[in-house]
Amino acid sequence: MNIYEKLIKKEATLSVIGLGYVGLPIALEFARQIKVVGFDIKEDRVAKMRKHVDPSEELDSKAFDGCDIEFTANPDDLKKANFHIIGVPTPIDDHNLPDLRPLLSATRSVGKALKNGDYVVYESTVYPGCTEEDCLPILEDMSGLKAGKDFKVGFSPERINPGDKDHTITTITKVVSGNDEVALDNIAKTYELIVKAGVHRAPSIKVAEAAKIIENTQRDVNIALMNELSIIFNRMGINTYDVLEAAGTKWNFLRFYPGLVGGHCIGVDPYYLVYKAKEYRYHPQVINSGRFVNDSMGFYAAKQLVKKLIAAGKNILGTKVLILGATFKENVSDSRNSKVADLVCELKSYGVKVDVIDPFASSEVIFHEYGFELTEKPANDYDAVVVAVNHSPYVKLTENDLKNFMQGTENPILVDIKGIFRNKIKDLTYWSF
C-alpha cells in the first residue's frame, strides 16, 4: 500500500510545519479529508488555533469546523506523521541575501522525526536547487536515512495570495514535483485531494522551484517598468494612470500598475534568483534593475511630497503628514516588508511629523518591525494626507472626508499612491504615481 492510499484510509497522517498565511489554509483543507498534525514553533499561535482563531486573521472560525487536526508546538509530535509539508517563511536579510534559517530549522525538526517510507514536501519559495542541495542533506543527516531509498522528497510551491477570497488553495492549479516517478505520483494524488483546479506535474524539483520564483520575478519586473514610467511621466506633467488607461485599450497590453512593492513574495523572491544566478557567474541586470526601482519608490514618494510641501510655502520642520495604511497590500494585516515604512522613514528624515493609521495592522507588530507606532486617533490639522494602501475603508472616502483631516490648513495636499481618487479631487492639491 502506498502513502496516498494510507493517507485516505487514515492509516497515515500528514503534518504541516509552519501555520502562517500559507500553512494553516493547507492544513485545514487536508484535515477535512485526512488526519493532520499542524505544527508551529510559537505556542501562543498554536493556542489560538486550538480555539479556532487564525492568528493571521485570514480565516474565520468556521474554517476549522469538521477538521481532523491536532495543533502542536512540540516537534516530537511530528513523529506521528508520515507525509510532511514544510511551509515556513523564506525571507531575506539586511543585505538582501536569502535567509534560510527558518527553512533549515524546520528541516532539522522533520529530519529528527523522519521514518522509513515517509515523504517530505517543501512549499516555501526558494532558489532552484535549494531542496536537493541545502535541505535534503540535512534530512539524511538527522534521520540516518537515504533519500530515494528510504524516504521521498518533493517540492510544491505555495500560491497563496493573502486577502484574496477567490484565488485560494483549492482553486489554483498546484505545481507538484518529486525526486522520482513514485514520489511524483503520490505527491500529485495527495494534493488532488484538496485542489479542485488540478495539479501540474513538473518534470523535476528544480523546475518546480524555478517556476515559482519566476512568477513573482516577472510581476516585479513589470511593476518596476510601470514605476519607472511614472517617474518619467511625472516630470512631463502627465498622469500615469491616464496613460495606462489609454494604452490598455489595446488587446495585448499588459495591465500592470505602479505602486509600492513590498510583502513576503514579490519584494523578496527575485533576490533568491539573483543570489543563485551569481553562483553560476551571471549577474542579472534586468532583475536587479527592477528591484532597485521598486525598492526606491517609498523614498521617491516622500521626496515628491516634500517638494509639494515646499512649493505650497510650508516650513518642512513644522509640517504634519497623515499616512493611511501600513500593511504591504490592501485588506490584510500582513505588514512584512511594507514599503510604507520607507515612506515614513524618509519623511521623518526631513523633520516632518508623521502619523500612520491602519484598521488592519497591529501597532505592536509595526513597532517591532519598523520602530514606529500606529496613531489611534488622527488629528484634523495635517498639511498632507497620503493614501498609501487602498484598504476598502479608504477607497470609500470622499474628498470631504479627506479634507476633514486637513481642516484650516492652507494649500492641503493629497498623495494618492494607487490612483484611487483620480479625477475625483477638486479642491486639494493632488499627486499620484
Protein backbone atom coordinates (compact mmCIF):
# COMPACT_ATOMS: atom_id res chain seq x y z
CA MET A 1 0.00 0.00 0.00
CA ASN A 2 1.45 3.39 -1.00
CA ILE A 3 1.48 6.56 1.11
CA TYR A 4 -1.50 8.08 -0.73
CA GLU A 5 -3.71 5.06 0.00
CA LYS A 6 -2.63 5.05 3.64
CA LEU A 7 -3.49 8.74 3.97
CA ILE A 8 -7.00 8.43 2.56
CA LYS A 9 -7.64 5.39 4.77
CA LYS A 10 -6.34 7.39 7.75
CA GLU A 11 -3.71 4.76 8.36
CA ALA A 12 -1.10 7.50 7.90
CA THR A 13 -1.00 11.13 8.99
CA LEU A 14 0.02 14.32 7.21
CA SER A 15 1.84 17.13 9.01
CA VAL A 16 2.13 20.80 8.08
CA ILE A 17 5.11 22.66 9.52
CA GLY A 18 4.58 26.42 9.77
CA LEU A 19 0.98 27.57 10.28
CA GLY A 20 1.03 31.08 8.87
CA TYR A 21 -0.60 32.54 5.76
CA VAL A 22 0.48 29.50 3.76
CA GLY A 23 0.48 26.59 6.19
CA LEU A 24 -2.80 27.00 8.04
CA PRO A 25 -5.13 27.06 5.00
CA ILE A 26 -3.35 23.99 3.60
CA ALA A 27 -3.54 22.14 6.93
CA LEU A 28 -7.25 22.81 7.33
CA GLU A 29 -8.09 21.77 3.76
CA PHE A 30 -6.27 18.48 4.19
CA ALA A 31 -7.83 17.97 7.63
CA ARG A 32 -11.26 17.78 6.02
CA GLN A 33 -10.09 14.68 4.15
CA ILE A 34 -7.32 13.03 6.19
CA LYS A 35 -5.61 13.11 9.60
CA VAL A 36 -3.34 16.14 10.10
CA VAL A 37 -0.81 17.37 12.64
CA GLY A 38 -0.36 21.14 12.44
CA PHE A 39 2.97 22.30 13.89
CA ASP A 40 4.19 25.80 14.66
CA ILE A 41 7.09 26.86 16.88
CA LYS A 42 5.06 29.63 18.54
CA GLU A 43 2.93 28.26 21.38
CA ASP A 44 0.79 31.43 21.56
CA ARG A 45 -0.23 30.98 17.91
CA VAL A 46 -0.97 27.29 18.48
CA ALA A 47 -3.14 28.17 21.49
CA LYS A 48 -5.24 30.49 19.30
CA MET A 49 -5.69 27.86 16.61
CA ARG A 50 -6.86 25.33 19.17
CA LYS A 51 -9.64 27.84 19.89
CA HIS A 52 -10.43 28.11 16.16
CA VAL A 53 -8.77 31.51 15.81
CA ASP A 54 -6.49 32.28 12.87
CA PRO A 55 -3.59 34.42 14.18
CA SER A 56 -3.12 35.83 10.66
CA GLU A 57 -6.77 36.96 10.61
CA GLU A 58 -7.34 35.47 7.15
CA LEU A 59 -9.77 32.68 8.06
CA ASP A 60 -12.89 32.78 10.19
CA SER A 61 -13.71 30.22 12.88
CA LYS A 62 -15.91 28.18 10.51
CA ALA A 63 -12.81 27.23 8.52
CA PHE A 64 -11.82 24.98 11.45
CA ASP A 65 -15.13 23.10 11.53
CA GLY A 66 -15.08 19.41 10.63
CA CYS A 67 -11.27 19.21 10.60
CA ASP A 68 -9.36 16.19 11.89
CA ILE A 69 -6.32 18.15 13.07
CA GLU A 70 -4.05 18.28 16.09
CA PHE A 71 -2.31 21.61 16.69
CA THR A 72 1.02 21.43 18.46
CA ALA A 73 4.23 23.30 19.22
CA ASN A 74 6.02 20.11 20.27
CA PRO A 75 8.32 18.84 17.47
CA ASP A 76 8.13 15.31 18.91
CA ASP A 77 4.52 15.19 17.69
CA LEU A 78 5.84 15.20 14.11
CA LYS A 79 6.83 11.57 14.66
CA LYS A 80 3.12 10.73 14.39
CA ALA A 81 3.13 11.87 10.74
CA ASN A 82 4.30 10.15 7.57
CA PHE A 83 3.80 12.90 4.97
CA HIS A 84 5.36 16.24 5.94
CA ILE A 85 4.65 19.58 4.26
CA ILE A 86 7.04 22.42 5.14
CA GLY A 87 5.63 25.90 4.57
CA VAL A 88 7.76 28.24 6.67
CA PRO A 89 8.82 31.77 5.61
CA THR A 90 11.88 32.28 3.42
CA PRO A 91 12.80 35.94 3.95
CA ILE A 92 15.90 37.95 3.05
CA ASP A 93 18.39 39.52 5.44
CA ASP A 94 19.51 43.15 5.72
CA HIS A 95 21.84 42.63 2.76
CA ASN A 96 19.07 41.24 0.51
CA LEU A 97 20.53 37.73 0.74
CA PRO A 98 18.40 34.60 1.29
CA ASP A 99 17.76 33.86 4.96
CA LEU A 100 17.25 30.11 5.07
CA ARG A 101 17.34 29.81 8.86
CA PRO A 102 13.58 29.15 9.31
CA LEU A 103 13.61 26.63 6.46
CA LEU A 104 16.68 24.75 7.67
CA SER A 105 15.42 24.75 11.26
CA ALA A 106 12.12 23.22 10.11
CA THR A 107 14.08 20.71 8.05
CA ARG A 108 16.06 19.62 11.11
CA SER A 109 12.84 19.16 13.10
CA VAL A 110 11.35 16.98 10.36
CA GLY A 111 14.61 15.10 9.93
CA LYS A 112 14.55 14.06 13.57
CA ALA A 113 11.01 12.70 13.11
CA LEU A 114 11.59 11.03 9.74
CA LYS A 115 10.87 7.30 9.37
CA ASN A 116 11.31 4.75 6.64
CA GLY A 117 8.71 5.30 3.92
CA ASP A 118 7.95 8.93 4.86
CA TYR A 119 7.52 11.86 2.46
CA VAL A 120 8.76 15.45 2.80
CA VAL A 121 7.33 18.16 0.54
CA TYR A 122 8.52 21.77 0.57
CA GLU A 123 6.18 24.66 -0.19
CA SER A 124 8.48 27.53 0.85
CA THR A 125 9.73 29.67 -2.05
CA VAL A 126 13.43 29.02 -2.68
CA TYR A 127 16.01 29.28 -5.46
CA PRO A 128 16.35 26.33 -7.85
CA GLY A 129 18.41 23.60 -6.21
CA CYS A 130 17.69 24.53 -2.59
CA THR A 131 15.54 21.48 -1.80
CA GLU A 132 18.07 18.95 -3.04
CA GLU A 133 21.29 20.82 -2.25
CA ASP A 134 20.53 22.51 1.08
CA CYS A 135 17.62 20.65 2.66
CA LEU A 136 17.94 17.03 1.58
CA PRO A 137 21.41 16.51 3.15
CA ILE A 138 20.03 17.75 6.49
CA LEU A 139 17.11 15.32 6.29
CA GLU A 140 19.54 12.47 5.64
CA ASP A 141 21.94 13.54 8.36
CA MET A 142 19.26 13.99 11.05
CA SER A 143 17.38 10.79 10.20
CA GLY A 144 20.19 8.45 9.19
CA LEU A 145 18.04 7.54 6.17
CA LYS A 146 18.78 7.79 2.47
CA ALA A 147 16.62 9.93 0.16
CA GLY A 148 15.00 7.98 -2.66
CA LYS A 149 15.68 4.65 -1.00
CA ASP A 150 14.23 5.20 2.49
CA PHE A 151 12.12 8.35 2.08
CA LYS A 152 10.81 10.57 -0.70
CA VAL A 153 11.20 14.31 -1.27
CA GLY A 154 9.17 16.77 -3.33
CA PHE A 155 8.54 20.44 -3.95
CA SER A 156 5.12 22.04 -4.49
CA PRO A 157 5.30 25.83 -4.38
CA GLU A 158 2.64 27.74 -2.49
CA ARG A 159 0.42 30.13 -4.43
CA ILE A 160 -1.47 31.64 -1.52
CA ASN A 161 -2.50 35.27 -2.10
CA PRO A 162 -3.28 36.95 1.27
CA GLY A 163 -6.60 38.77 1.26
CA ASP A 164 -7.80 37.06 -1.92
CA LYS A 165 -11.04 35.12 -1.33
CA ASP A 166 -11.34 33.95 -4.95
CA HIS A 167 -7.89 32.51 -5.66
CA THR A 168 -7.40 30.01 -2.85
CA ILE A 169 -5.52 26.77 -2.29
CA THR A 170 -8.40 24.78 -3.83
CA THR A 171 -8.96 26.95 -6.92
CA ILE A 172 -5.38 27.48 -8.15
CA THR A 173 -3.60 24.81 -10.19
CA LYS A 174 -0.92 23.23 -8.00
CA VAL A 175 2.54 22.61 -9.37
CA VAL A 176 3.98 19.39 -7.90
CA SER A 177 7.30 17.59 -8.25
CA GLY A 178 9.13 14.64 -6.73
CA ASN A 179 12.59 13.10 -6.60
CA ASP A 180 11.36 10.16 -8.71
CA GLU A 181 8.25 8.94 -10.54
CA VAL A 182 6.83 7.15 -7.50
CA ALA A 183 7.23 10.25 -5.35
CA LEU A 184 5.69 12.48 -8.04
CA ASP A 185 2.65 10.23 -8.42
CA ASN A 186 1.94 10.01 -4.68
CA ILE A 187 2.51 13.72 -4.10
CA ALA A 188 0.27 14.64 -7.03
CA LYS A 189 -2.55 12.35 -5.88
CA THR A 190 -2.29 13.65 -2.32
CA TYR A 191 -2.67 17.29 -3.42
CA GLU A 192 -5.51 16.33 -5.75
CA LEU A 193 -7.49 15.50 -2.61
CA ILE A 194 -7.90 19.23 -1.95
CA VAL A 195 -7.02 21.11 -5.17
CA LYS A 196 -10.14 21.23 -7.34
CA ALA A 197 -8.27 23.05 -10.12
CA GLY A 198 -5.95 20.08 -10.53
CA VAL A 199 -2.19 19.69 -10.46
CA HIS A 200 0.64 20.23 -12.91
CA ARG A 201 3.36 17.59 -12.69
CA ALA A 202 6.71 19.29 -13.16
CA PRO A 203 9.49 17.09 -14.59
CA SER A 204 11.88 17.85 -11.71
CA ILE A 205 12.12 19.54 -8.34
CA LYS A 206 14.36 22.28 -9.78
CA VAL A 207 11.79 23.07 -12.48
CA ALA A 208 9.08 23.47 -9.85
CA GLU A 209 11.35 25.71 -7.72
CA ALA A 210 12.22 27.84 -10.74
CA ALA A 211 8.59 28.11 -11.87
CA LYS A 212 7.55 29.59 -8.54
CA ILE A 213 10.37 32.08 -8.31
CA ILE A 214 9.84 33.48 -11.81
CA GLU A 215 6.11 34.02 -11.16
CA ASN A 216 6.95 36.78 -8.71
CA THR A 217 10.07 37.94 -10.53
CA GLN A 218 8.00 38.55 -13.65
CA ARG A 219 5.49 40.63 -11.73
CA ASP A 220 8.28 42.53 -10.00
CA VAL A 221 9.97 43.49 -13.28
CA ASN A 222 6.68 44.52 -14.88
CA ILE A 223 5.71 46.71 -11.92
CA ALA A 224 9.20 48.21 -11.93
CA LEU A 225 8.65 49.26 -15.53
CA MET A 226 5.39 50.97 -14.54
CA ASN A 227 7.13 52.69 -11.62
CA GLU A 228 9.91 53.92 -13.88
CA LEU A 229 7.36 55.18 -16.38
CA SER A 230 5.55 57.01 -13.58
CA ILE A 231 8.78 58.85 -12.69
CA ILE A 232 9.25 59.86 -16.32
CA PHE A 233 5.63 60.92 -16.80
CA ASN A 234 5.69 62.87 -13.55
CA ARG A 235 8.50 65.02 -14.95
CA MET A 236 6.44 65.53 -18.10
CA GLY A 237 3.35 66.54 -16.13
CA ILE A 238 1.38 63.52 -17.37
CA ASN A 239 -0.79 61.32 -15.12
CA THR A 240 0.49 57.74 -15.37
CA TYR A 241 -2.92 56.19 -14.78
CA ASP A 242 -4.38 58.22 -17.66
CA VAL A 243 -1.62 56.88 -19.88
CA LEU A 244 -2.22 53.29 -18.78
CA GLU A 245 -5.96 53.63 -19.31
CA ALA A 246 -5.36 54.78 -22.88
CA ALA A 247 -2.72 52.13 -23.62
CA GLY A 248 -4.94 49.46 -22.07
CA THR A 249 -7.43 49.78 -24.91
CA LYS A 250 -5.10 47.59 -26.98
CA TRP A 251 -5.97 43.90 -26.60
CA ASN A 252 -2.46 42.69 -25.79
CA PHE A 253 -1.33 45.47 -23.45
CA LEU A 254 -0.29 44.01 -20.09
CA ARG A 255 -2.20 45.61 -17.22
CA PHE A 256 0.37 46.36 -14.55
CA TYR A 257 0.31 49.48 -12.40
CA PRO A 258 2.84 51.50 -10.40
CA GLY A 259 2.96 51.25 -6.62
CA LEU A 260 4.87 50.29 -3.51
CA VAL A 261 6.11 46.71 -3.90
CA GLY A 262 6.52 45.01 -0.53
CA GLY A 263 5.37 41.84 1.15
CA HIS A 264 6.90 38.42 1.52
CA CYS A 265 6.79 37.40 -2.16
CA ILE A 266 7.27 39.94 -4.94
CA GLY A 267 9.63 42.11 -2.91
CA VAL A 268 11.71 39.11 -1.77
CA ASP A 269 11.72 36.23 -4.24
CA PRO A 270 13.74 37.93 -7.02
CA TYR A 271 16.66 38.25 -4.62
CA TYR A 272 16.72 34.45 -4.26
CA LEU A 273 17.10 34.06 -8.02
CA VAL A 274 19.76 36.79 -8.17
CA TYR A 275 21.70 35.05 -5.39
CA LYS A 276 21.66 31.68 -7.15
CA ALA A 277 22.47 33.19 -10.57
CA LYS A 278 25.71 34.64 -9.18
CA GLU A 279 26.80 31.12 -8.23
CA TYR A 280 26.77 30.45 -11.96
CA ARG A 281 28.78 33.63 -12.63
CA TYR A 282 25.86 35.56 -14.07
CA HIS A 283 24.81 38.92 -12.68
CA PRO A 284 21.14 39.54 -13.59
CA GLN A 285 20.80 43.07 -14.86
CA VAL A 286 17.08 43.33 -15.60
CA ILE A 287 16.03 41.68 -12.33
CA ASN A 288 18.44 43.80 -10.27
CA SER A 289 17.33 46.98 -12.01
CA GLY A 290 13.70 46.16 -11.33
CA ARG A 291 14.46 45.53 -7.65
CA PHE A 292 16.32 48.83 -7.42
CA VAL A 293 13.41 50.78 -8.88
CA ASN A 294 10.78 49.10 -6.70
CA ASP A 295 12.85 49.31 -3.52
CA SER A 296 13.26 53.07 -4.05
CA MET A 297 9.62 54.04 -4.61
CA GLY A 298 8.79 54.73 -0.95
CA PHE A 299 11.68 57.19 -0.75
CA TYR A 300 10.69 58.67 -4.11
CA ALA A 301 7.11 59.30 -2.95
CA ALA A 302 8.39 61.00 0.20
CA LYS A 303 10.69 63.31 -1.77
CA GLN A 304 7.86 64.26 -4.13
CA LEU A 305 5.63 65.12 -1.17
CA VAL A 306 8.37 67.24 0.42
CA LYS A 307 8.70 69.16 -2.85
CA LYS A 308 4.93 69.75 -2.88
CA LEU A 309 5.01 70.98 0.73
CA ILE A 310 7.84 73.42 -0.04
CA ALA A 311 6.06 74.62 -3.19
CA ALA A 312 2.98 75.27 -1.04
CA GLY A 313 5.05 77.65 1.11
CA LYS A 314 5.22 75.40 4.16
CA ASN A 315 8.08 75.17 6.63
CA ILE A 316 9.05 71.49 6.43
CA LEU A 317 10.13 71.30 10.07
CA GLY A 318 6.63 72.33 11.15
CA THR A 319 4.58 70.15 8.80
CA LYS A 320 2.37 67.23 9.76
CA VAL A 321 1.51 64.36 7.45
CA LEU A 322 -1.05 61.58 7.91
CA ILE A 323 -0.45 58.26 6.17
CA LEU A 324 -3.41 55.95 5.59
CA GLY A 325 -2.27 52.35 5.53
CA ALA A 326 0.77 50.48 6.83
CA THR A 327 0.42 46.90 5.55
CA PHE A 328 2.07 45.68 2.36
CA LYS A 329 -1.23 45.38 0.47
CA GLU A 330 -4.92 46.12 0.80
CA ASN A 331 -7.28 44.46 3.27
CA VAL A 332 -4.70 42.29 5.04
CA SER A 333 -2.96 42.54 8.41
CA ASP A 334 0.37 41.40 6.98
CA SER A 335 2.97 44.17 7.27
CA ARG A 336 6.05 42.15 6.34
CA ASN A 337 8.45 44.13 4.15
CA SER A 338 5.98 47.00 3.85
CA LYS A 339 7.40 49.85 1.80
CA VAL A 340 5.20 52.29 3.70
CA ALA A 341 7.96 52.13 6.31
CA ASP A 342 10.39 53.61 3.77
CA LEU A 343 7.94 56.45 3.15
CA VAL A 344 7.65 57.15 6.87
CA CYS A 345 11.41 56.96 7.43
CA GLU A 346 12.20 59.35 4.58
CA LEU A 347 9.60 61.93 5.63
CA LYS A 348 10.91 61.87 9.19
CA SER A 349 14.45 62.41 7.91
CA TYR A 350 13.27 65.81 6.60
CA GLY A 351 11.84 66.69 10.02
CA VAL A 352 8.21 66.05 9.06
CA LYS A 353 5.90 64.85 11.86
CA VAL A 354 4.24 61.66 10.61
CA ASP A 355 1.17 59.86 11.92
CA VAL A 356 0.13 56.48 10.50
CA ILE A 357 -3.23 54.77 10.85
CA ASP A 358 -4.38 51.36 9.61
CA PRO A 359 -7.55 49.45 10.57
CA PHE A 360 -5.95 46.09 9.71
CA ALA A 361 -2.42 46.38 11.07
CA SER A 362 -1.15 45.70 14.60
CA SER A 363 0.60 48.66 16.22
CA GLU A 364 2.70 46.25 18.27
CA VAL A 365 3.89 44.42 15.16
CA ILE A 366 4.56 47.67 13.29
CA PHE A 367 6.65 48.98 16.18
CA HIS A 368 8.58 45.73 16.45
CA GLU A 369 9.34 45.69 12.72
CA TYR A 370 9.82 49.37 11.93
CA GLY A 371 10.19 51.34 15.15
CA PHE A 372 7.07 53.49 14.96
CA GLU A 373 3.58 53.03 16.38
CA LEU A 374 0.20 53.49 14.76
CA THR A 375 -1.85 56.52 15.79
CA GLU A 376 -5.12 55.63 17.48
CA LYS A 377 -6.92 58.91 16.84
CA PRO A 378 -5.68 61.06 13.96
CA ALA A 379 -5.78 64.85 14.28
CA ASN A 380 -7.52 67.24 11.89
CA ASP A 381 -4.73 69.71 11.12
CA TYR A 382 -2.44 67.79 8.79
CA ASP A 383 -0.71 69.57 5.94
CA ALA A 384 -0.96 66.49 3.75
CA VAL A 385 -2.60 63.09 3.63
CA VAL A 386 -1.00 60.10 1.91
CA VAL A 387 -3.29 57.24 0.92
CA ALA A 388 -0.59 54.57 0.83
CA VAL A 389 -2.70 51.39 0.88
CA ASN A 390 -6.07 51.04 -0.82
CA HIS A 391 -7.89 49.34 2.05
CA SER A 392 -11.65 49.12 1.46
CA PRO A 393 -12.47 51.79 4.09
CA TYR A 394 -10.09 54.22 2.39
CA VAL A 395 -11.45 53.58 -1.10
CA LYS A 396 -14.86 54.71 0.17
CA LEU A 397 -13.58 58.07 1.44
CA THR A 398 -14.86 61.23 -0.23
CA GLU A 399 -12.93 64.43 -0.82
CA ASN A 400 -14.74 65.96 2.15
CA ASP A 401 -13.64 63.03 4.32
CA LEU A 402 -10.05 63.67 3.31
CA LYS A 403 -10.40 67.42 3.84
CA ASN A 404 -11.57 66.75 7.41
CA PHE A 405 -8.06 65.55 8.17
CA MET A 406 -6.72 68.92 6.98
CA GLN A 407 -9.15 71.46 8.44
CA GLY A 408 -7.84 75.02 8.47
CA THR A 409 -4.71 74.02 6.56
CA GLU A 410 -3.64 76.29 3.74
CA ASN A 411 -2.94 74.51 0.46
CA PRO A 412 -3.68 70.97 1.69
CA ILE A 413 -2.08 68.16 -0.29
CA LEU A 414 -3.30 64.65 -1.14
CA VAL A 415 -0.85 61.98 -2.25
CA ASP A 416 -2.73 59.06 -3.79
CA ILE A 417 -0.23 56.22 -4.26
CA LYS A 418 -2.61 53.86 -6.06
CA GLY A 419 -4.53 56.50 -8.02
CA ILE A 420 -7.89 55.55 -6.49
CA PHE A 421 -9.06 59.19 -6.27
CA ARG A 422 -8.02 60.16 -9.77
CA ASN A 423 -10.49 62.61 -11.35
CA LYS A 424 -12.40 62.82 -8.03
CA ILE A 425 -10.43 65.62 -6.33
CA LYS A 426 -11.29 69.28 -6.95
CA ASP A 427 -10.09 71.36 -4.02
CA LEU A 428 -6.93 69.58 -2.83
CA THR A 429 -3.50 69.67 -4.44
CA TYR A 430 -3.36 66.16 -5.88
CA TRP A 431 -0.43 63.90 -6.80
CA SER A 432 -0.14 60.21 -7.55
CA PHE A 433 2.28 57.79 -9.16
